[in-house]
C-alpha cells in the first residue's frame, strides 16, 4: 500500500495556542508513544477537523475521535487529559462515524470550563498514528480555526 500519495494539509482545529506535542502534560502523548502530533490550548468551545477525511471511530466517552484521510493517514483527536473519566459529560458531538469532514466541519463542542472544574487538562491533542518516518513540521503560536499550520507529503 502506498501511503501519502498526495500532500495532506493540516489545519488548526480551533482558536488558541498551537504547541509541540512534547509540551503536553501526559507522557503517553509527550513521548510520542501513540505517534507524532501537536496540541491546541483552545480558547473557544468549538473543535473542527484538522484534516480532510472520514470519521472512522468515536470513543463512547466522546473525548476521542479518529479520522482517516484520502492518503490513508490516520489522525486521532484526543480532547483533554484523563477526560475518559467524565463518561461523555461536557462533550457535544457534531459528527458520527462515516461523516466526511473538511476544515470547516465542527466535530465537537466542548464545555472546557466543565473539564477544568473537574480537574482536567483541556489540551486538544492531534496525533498522526501511522506517520512512520515522515517528518511532521507544525507552525506553533496563536492560530485561528481553519488556519493552515503544516503539511505532510
C-alpha atoms as a PDB file:
ATOM      1  CA  UNK A   1       0.000   0.000   0.000  1.00  0.00           C
ATOM      2  CA  UNK A   2       1.438   3.383  -0.970  1.00  0.00           C
ATOM      3  CA  UNK A   3       0.837   5.869   1.824  1.00  0.00           C
ATOM      4  CA  UNK A   4       0.770   9.619   1.380  1.00  0.00           C
ATOM      5  CA  UNK A   5       0.396   9.796  -2.401  1.00  0.00           C
ATOM      6  CA  UNK A   6      -0.625  13.417  -2.083  1.00  0.00           C
ATOM      7  CA  UNK A   7       0.080  16.240   0.312  1.00  0.00           C
ATOM      8  CA  UNK A   8      -2.070  16.411   3.429  1.00  0.00           C
ATOM      9  CA  UNK A   9      -2.696  19.931   4.718  1.00  0.00           C
ATOM     10  CA  UNK A  10      -3.052  20.276   8.479  1.00  0.00           C
ATOM     11  CA  UNK A  11      -5.292  22.995   9.908  1.00  0.00           C
ATOM     12  CA  UNK A  12      -5.731  24.424  13.369  1.00  0.00           C
ATOM     13  CA  UNK A  13      -8.696  22.593  14.937  1.00  0.00           C
ATOM     14  CA  UNK A  14      -9.706  25.699  16.855  1.00  0.00           C
ATOM     15  CA  UNK A  15      -8.752  29.152  18.053  1.00  0.00           C
ATOM     16  CA  UNK A  16      -5.896  29.152  20.531  1.00  0.00           C
ATOM     17  CA  UNK A  17      -2.243  28.297  21.035  1.00  0.00           C
ATOM     18  CA  UNK A  18      -0.721  25.558  18.875  1.00  0.00           C
ATOM     19  CA  UNK A  19       2.193  23.852  20.630  1.00  0.00           C
ATOM     20  CA  UNK A  20       4.533  20.922  20.142  1.00  0.00           C
ATOM     21  CA  UNK A  21       3.264  17.558  21.377  1.00  0.00           C
ATOM     22  CA  UNK A  22       6.270  17.266  23.692  1.00  0.00           C
ATOM     23  CA  UNK A  23       4.774  20.114  25.767  1.00  0.00           C
ATOM     24  CA  UNK A  24       1.629  18.107  26.616  1.00  0.00           C
ATOM     25  CA  UNK A  25       1.347  17.204  30.328  1.00  0.00           C
ATOM     26  CA  UNK A  26       0.913  13.469  29.739  1.00  0.00           C
ATOM     27  CA  UNK A  27       3.806  11.131  28.937  1.00  0.00           C
ATOM     28  CA  UNK A  28       1.720   8.926  26.667  1.00  0.00           C
ATOM     29  CA  UNK A  29       1.407  11.888  24.293  1.00  0.00           C
ATOM     30  CA  UNK A  30       4.575  13.914  25.001  1.00  0.00           C
ATOM     31  CA  UNK A  31       6.858  10.911  24.372  1.00  0.00           C
ATOM     32  CA  UNK A  32       5.041  10.256  21.074  1.00  0.00           C
ATOM     33  CA  UNK A  33       4.126   6.726  22.184  1.00  0.00           C
ATOM     34  CA  UNK A  34       0.965   6.917  20.040  1.00  0.00           C
ATOM     35  CA  UNK A  35       2.578   8.946  17.246  1.00  0.00           C
ATOM     36  CA  UNK A  36       3.782  12.427  16.415  1.00  0.00           C
ATOM     37  CA  UNK A  37       1.443  15.389  16.520  1.00  0.00           C
ATOM     38  CA  UNK A  38       0.656  18.691  18.175  1.00  0.00           C
ATOM     39  CA  UNK A  39      -1.687  20.208  20.725  1.00  0.00           C
ATOM     40  CA  UNK A  40      -4.063  23.143  20.855  1.00  0.00           C
ATOM     41  CA  UNK A  41      -4.696  25.137  24.026  1.00  0.00           C
ATOM     42  CA  UNK A  42      -8.223  26.191  22.993  1.00  0.00           C
ATOM     43  CA  UNK A  43      -9.877  29.495  23.844  1.00  0.00           C
ATOM     44  CA  UNK A  44     -13.290  28.574  22.370  1.00  0.00           C
ATOM     45  CA  UNK A  45     -15.593  25.557  22.683  1.00  0.00           C
ATOM     46  CA  UNK A  46     -15.821  24.528  19.003  1.00  0.00           C
ATOM     47  CA  UNK A  47     -13.315  21.975  17.715  1.00  0.00           C
ATOM     48  CA  UNK A  48     -13.013  21.388  13.968  1.00  0.00           C
ATOM     49  CA  UNK A  49     -11.419  18.704  11.801  1.00  0.00           C
ATOM     50  CA  UNK A  50      -7.663  19.324  11.417  1.00  0.00           C
ATOM     51  CA  UNK A  51      -7.597  17.399   8.100  1.00  0.00           C
ATOM     52  CA  UNK A  52      -9.968  16.404   5.305  1.00  0.00           C
ATOM     53  CA  UNK A  53     -11.159  12.826   5.586  1.00  0.00           C
ATOM     54  CA  UNK A  54     -13.749  10.496   7.068  1.00  0.00           C
ATOM     55  CA  UNK A  55     -14.620   9.915  10.723  1.00  0.00           C
ATOM     56  CA  UNK A  56     -13.630   6.290  11.363  1.00  0.00           C
ATOM     57  CA  UNK A  57     -14.339   5.990  15.075  1.00  0.00           C
ATOM     58  CA  UNK A  58     -15.671   7.896  18.055  1.00  0.00           C
ATOM     59  CA  UNK A  59     -14.941   6.670  21.560  1.00  0.00           C
ATOM     60  CA  UNK A  60     -18.142   6.041  23.584  1.00  0.00           C
ATOM     61  CA  UNK A  61     -16.960   8.692  26.067  1.00  0.00           C
ATOM     62  CA  UNK A  62     -16.815  11.239  23.202  1.00  0.00           C
ATOM     63  CA  UNK A  63     -13.339  12.500  24.175  1.00  0.00           C
ATOM     64  CA  UNK A  64     -11.501  10.919  21.224  1.00  0.00           C
ATOM     65  CA  UNK A  65     -12.310  10.895  17.509  1.00  0.00           C
ATOM     66  CA  UNK A  66     -10.405   9.255  14.641  1.00  0.00           C
ATOM     67  CA  UNK A  67     -10.204  10.476  11.041  1.00  0.00           C
ATOM     68  CA  UNK A  68      -8.688   8.755   8.001  1.00  0.00           C
ATOM     69  CA  UNK A  69      -7.559  10.892   5.051  1.00  0.00           C
ATOM     70  CA  UNK A  70      -7.717  10.002   1.353  1.00  0.00           C
ATOM     71  CA  UNK A  71      -3.990   9.168   1.542  1.00  0.00           C
ATOM     72  CA  UNK A  72      -4.645   6.721   4.434  1.00  0.00           C
ATOM     73  CA  UNK A  73      -3.182   8.963   7.118  1.00  0.00           C
ATOM     74  CA  UNK A  74      -4.780   8.085  10.460  1.00  0.00           C
ATOM     75  CA  UNK A  75      -5.470  11.018  12.779  1.00  0.00           C
ATOM     76  CA  UNK A  76      -6.573  10.813  16.413  1.00  0.00           C
ATOM     77  CA  UNK A  77      -8.088  13.888  18.071  1.00  0.00           C
ATOM     78  CA  UNK A  78      -7.924  13.439  21.849  1.00  0.00           C
ATOM     79  CA  UNK A  79      -9.636  16.143  23.900  1.00  0.00           C
ATOM     80  CA  UNK A  80      -8.160  16.774  27.310  1.00  0.00           C
ATOM     81  CA  UNK A  81      -6.158  14.601  29.660  1.00  0.00           C
ATOM     82  CA  UNK A  82      -7.975  11.874  31.637  1.00  0.00           C
ATOM     83  CA  UNK A  83     -11.281  13.108  30.211  1.00  0.00           C
ATOM     84  CA  UNK A  84     -12.367   9.488  29.649  1.00  0.00           C
ATOM     85  CA  UNK A  85     -13.255   9.639  33.360  1.00  0.00           C
ATOM     86  CA  UNK A  86     -16.033  12.169  32.588  1.00  0.00           C
ATOM     87  CA  UNK A  87     -18.009   9.470  30.729  1.00  0.00           C
ATOM     88  CA  UNK A  88     -19.043  11.791  27.886  1.00  0.00           C
ATOM     89  CA  UNK A  89     -20.148  14.722  30.052  1.00  0.00           C
ATOM     90  CA  UNK A  90     -19.012  18.060  28.635  1.00  0.00           C
ATOM     91  CA  UNK A  91     -18.855  16.834  25.024  1.00  0.00           C
ATOM     92  CA  UNK A  92     -21.491  17.592  22.348  1.00  0.00           C
ATOM     93  CA  UNK A  93     -20.676  15.599  19.217  1.00  0.00           C
ATOM     94  CA  UNK A  94     -21.435  17.200  15.844  1.00  0.00           C
ATOM     95  CA  UNK A  95     -20.442  14.198  13.681  1.00  0.00           C
ATOM     96  CA  UNK A  96     -20.864  10.423  13.590  1.00  0.00           C
ATOM     97  CA  UNK A  97     -18.812   7.561  12.201  1.00  0.00           C
ATOM     98  CA  UNK A  98     -18.722   7.727   8.407  1.00  0.00           C
ATOM     99  CA  UNK A  99     -19.111  11.528   8.251  1.00  0.00           C
ATOM    100  CA  UNK A 100     -16.917  13.169   5.596  1.00  0.00           C
ATOM    101  CA  UNK A 101     -15.107  16.150   7.138  1.00  0.00           C
ATOM    102  CA  UNK A 102     -13.201  19.214   5.966  1.00  0.00           C
ATOM    103  CA  UNK A 103     -11.518  22.010   7.898  1.00  0.00           C
ATOM    104  CA  UNK A 104     -14.930  23.730   8.101  1.00  0.00           C
ATOM    105  CA  UNK A 105     -16.567  20.738   9.832  1.00  0.00           C
ATOM    106  CA  UNK A 106     -17.174  21.241  13.539  1.00  0.00           C
ATOM    107  CA  UNK A 107     -16.646  17.804  15.059  1.00  0.00           C
ATOM    108  CA  UNK A 108     -17.402  18.508  18.717  1.00  0.00           C
ATOM    109  CA  UNK A 109     -18.379  21.308  21.052  1.00  0.00           C
ATOM    110  CA  UNK A 110     -16.611  21.054  24.394  1.00  0.00           C
ATOM    111  CA  UNK A 111     -17.549  22.595  27.733  1.00  0.00           C
ATOM    112  CA  UNK A 112     -13.956  23.432  28.671  1.00  0.00           C
ATOM    113  CA  UNK A 113     -14.951  25.203  31.936  1.00  0.00           C
ATOM    114  CA  UNK A 114     -16.668  21.930  32.975  1.00  0.00           C
ATOM    115  CA  UNK A 115     -13.492  19.972  32.170  1.00  0.00           C
ATOM    116  CA  UNK A 116     -11.412  22.436  34.197  1.00  0.00           C
ATOM    117  CA  UNK A 117     -13.866  22.335  37.133  1.00  0.00           C
ATOM    118  CA  UNK A 118     -13.319  18.562  37.165  1.00  0.00           C
ATOM    119  CA  UNK A 119      -9.549  18.988  37.293  1.00  0.00           C
ATOM    120  CA  UNK A 120      -8.937  18.001  33.659  1.00  0.00           C
ATOM    121  CA  UNK A 121      -6.322  19.494  31.333  1.00  0.00           C
ATOM    122  CA  UNK A 122      -8.052  20.978  28.270  1.00  0.00           C
ATOM    123  CA  UNK A 123      -5.395  20.455  25.582  1.00  0.00           C
ATOM    124  CA  UNK A 124      -6.798  19.197  22.279  1.00  0.00           C
ATOM    125  CA  UNK A 125      -4.172  16.706  21.129  1.00  0.00           C
ATOM    126  CA  UNK A 126      -3.879  15.742  17.456  1.00  0.00           C
ATOM    127  CA  UNK A 127      -1.845  12.593  16.794  1.00  0.00           C
ATOM    128  CA  UNK A 128      -0.846  11.076  13.461  1.00  0.00           C
ATOM    129  CA  UNK A 129      -0.822   7.415  14.456  1.00  0.00           C
ATOM    130  CA  UNK A 130       0.675   5.937  11.262  1.00  0.00           C
ATOM    131  CA  UNK A 131       3.076   8.681  10.199  1.00  0.00           C
ATOM    132  CA  UNK A 132       6.124   6.337  10.250  1.00  0.00           C
ATOM    133  CA  UNK A 133       9.293   8.150   9.175  1.00  0.00           C
ATOM    134  CA  UNK A 134       7.546  11.118   7.623  1.00  0.00           C
ATOM    135  CA  UNK A 135       8.673  14.284   9.399  1.00  0.00           C
ATOM    136  CA  UNK A 136       5.986  16.482  10.881  1.00  0.00           C
ATOM    137  CA  UNK A 137       6.502  20.241  10.794  1.00  0.00           C
ATOM    138  CA  UNK A 138       3.867  22.347  12.529  1.00  0.00           C
ATOM    139  CA  UNK A 139       3.829  26.120  12.986  1.00  0.00           C
ATOM    140  CA  UNK A 140       3.455  26.915  16.687  1.00  0.00           C
ATOM    141  CA  UNK A 141       1.847  30.002  18.223  1.00  0.00           C
ATOM    142  CA  UNK A 142      -1.564  31.654  18.383  1.00  0.00           C
ATOM    143  CA  UNK A 143      -3.709  30.419  15.498  1.00  0.00           C
ATOM    144  CA  UNK A 144      -7.233  30.838  14.241  1.00  0.00           C
ATOM    145  CA  UNK A 145      -9.533  27.940  13.427  1.00  0.00           C
ATOM    146  CA  UNK A 146      -9.021  26.569   9.882  1.00  0.00           C
ATOM    147  CA  UNK A 147      -5.626  28.273   9.565  1.00  0.00           C
ATOM    148  CA  UNK A 148      -3.048  26.091   7.784  1.00  0.00           C
ATOM    149  CA  UNK A 149      -0.384  25.073  10.304  1.00  0.00           C
ATOM    150  CA  UNK A 150       1.523  22.378   8.416  1.00  0.00           C
ATOM    151  CA  UNK A 151       1.661  19.739   5.720  1.00  0.00           C
ATOM    152  CA  UNK A 152       2.650  16.107   5.334  1.00  0.00           C
ATOM    153  CA  UNK A 153       3.902  14.950   1.926  1.00  0.00           C
END
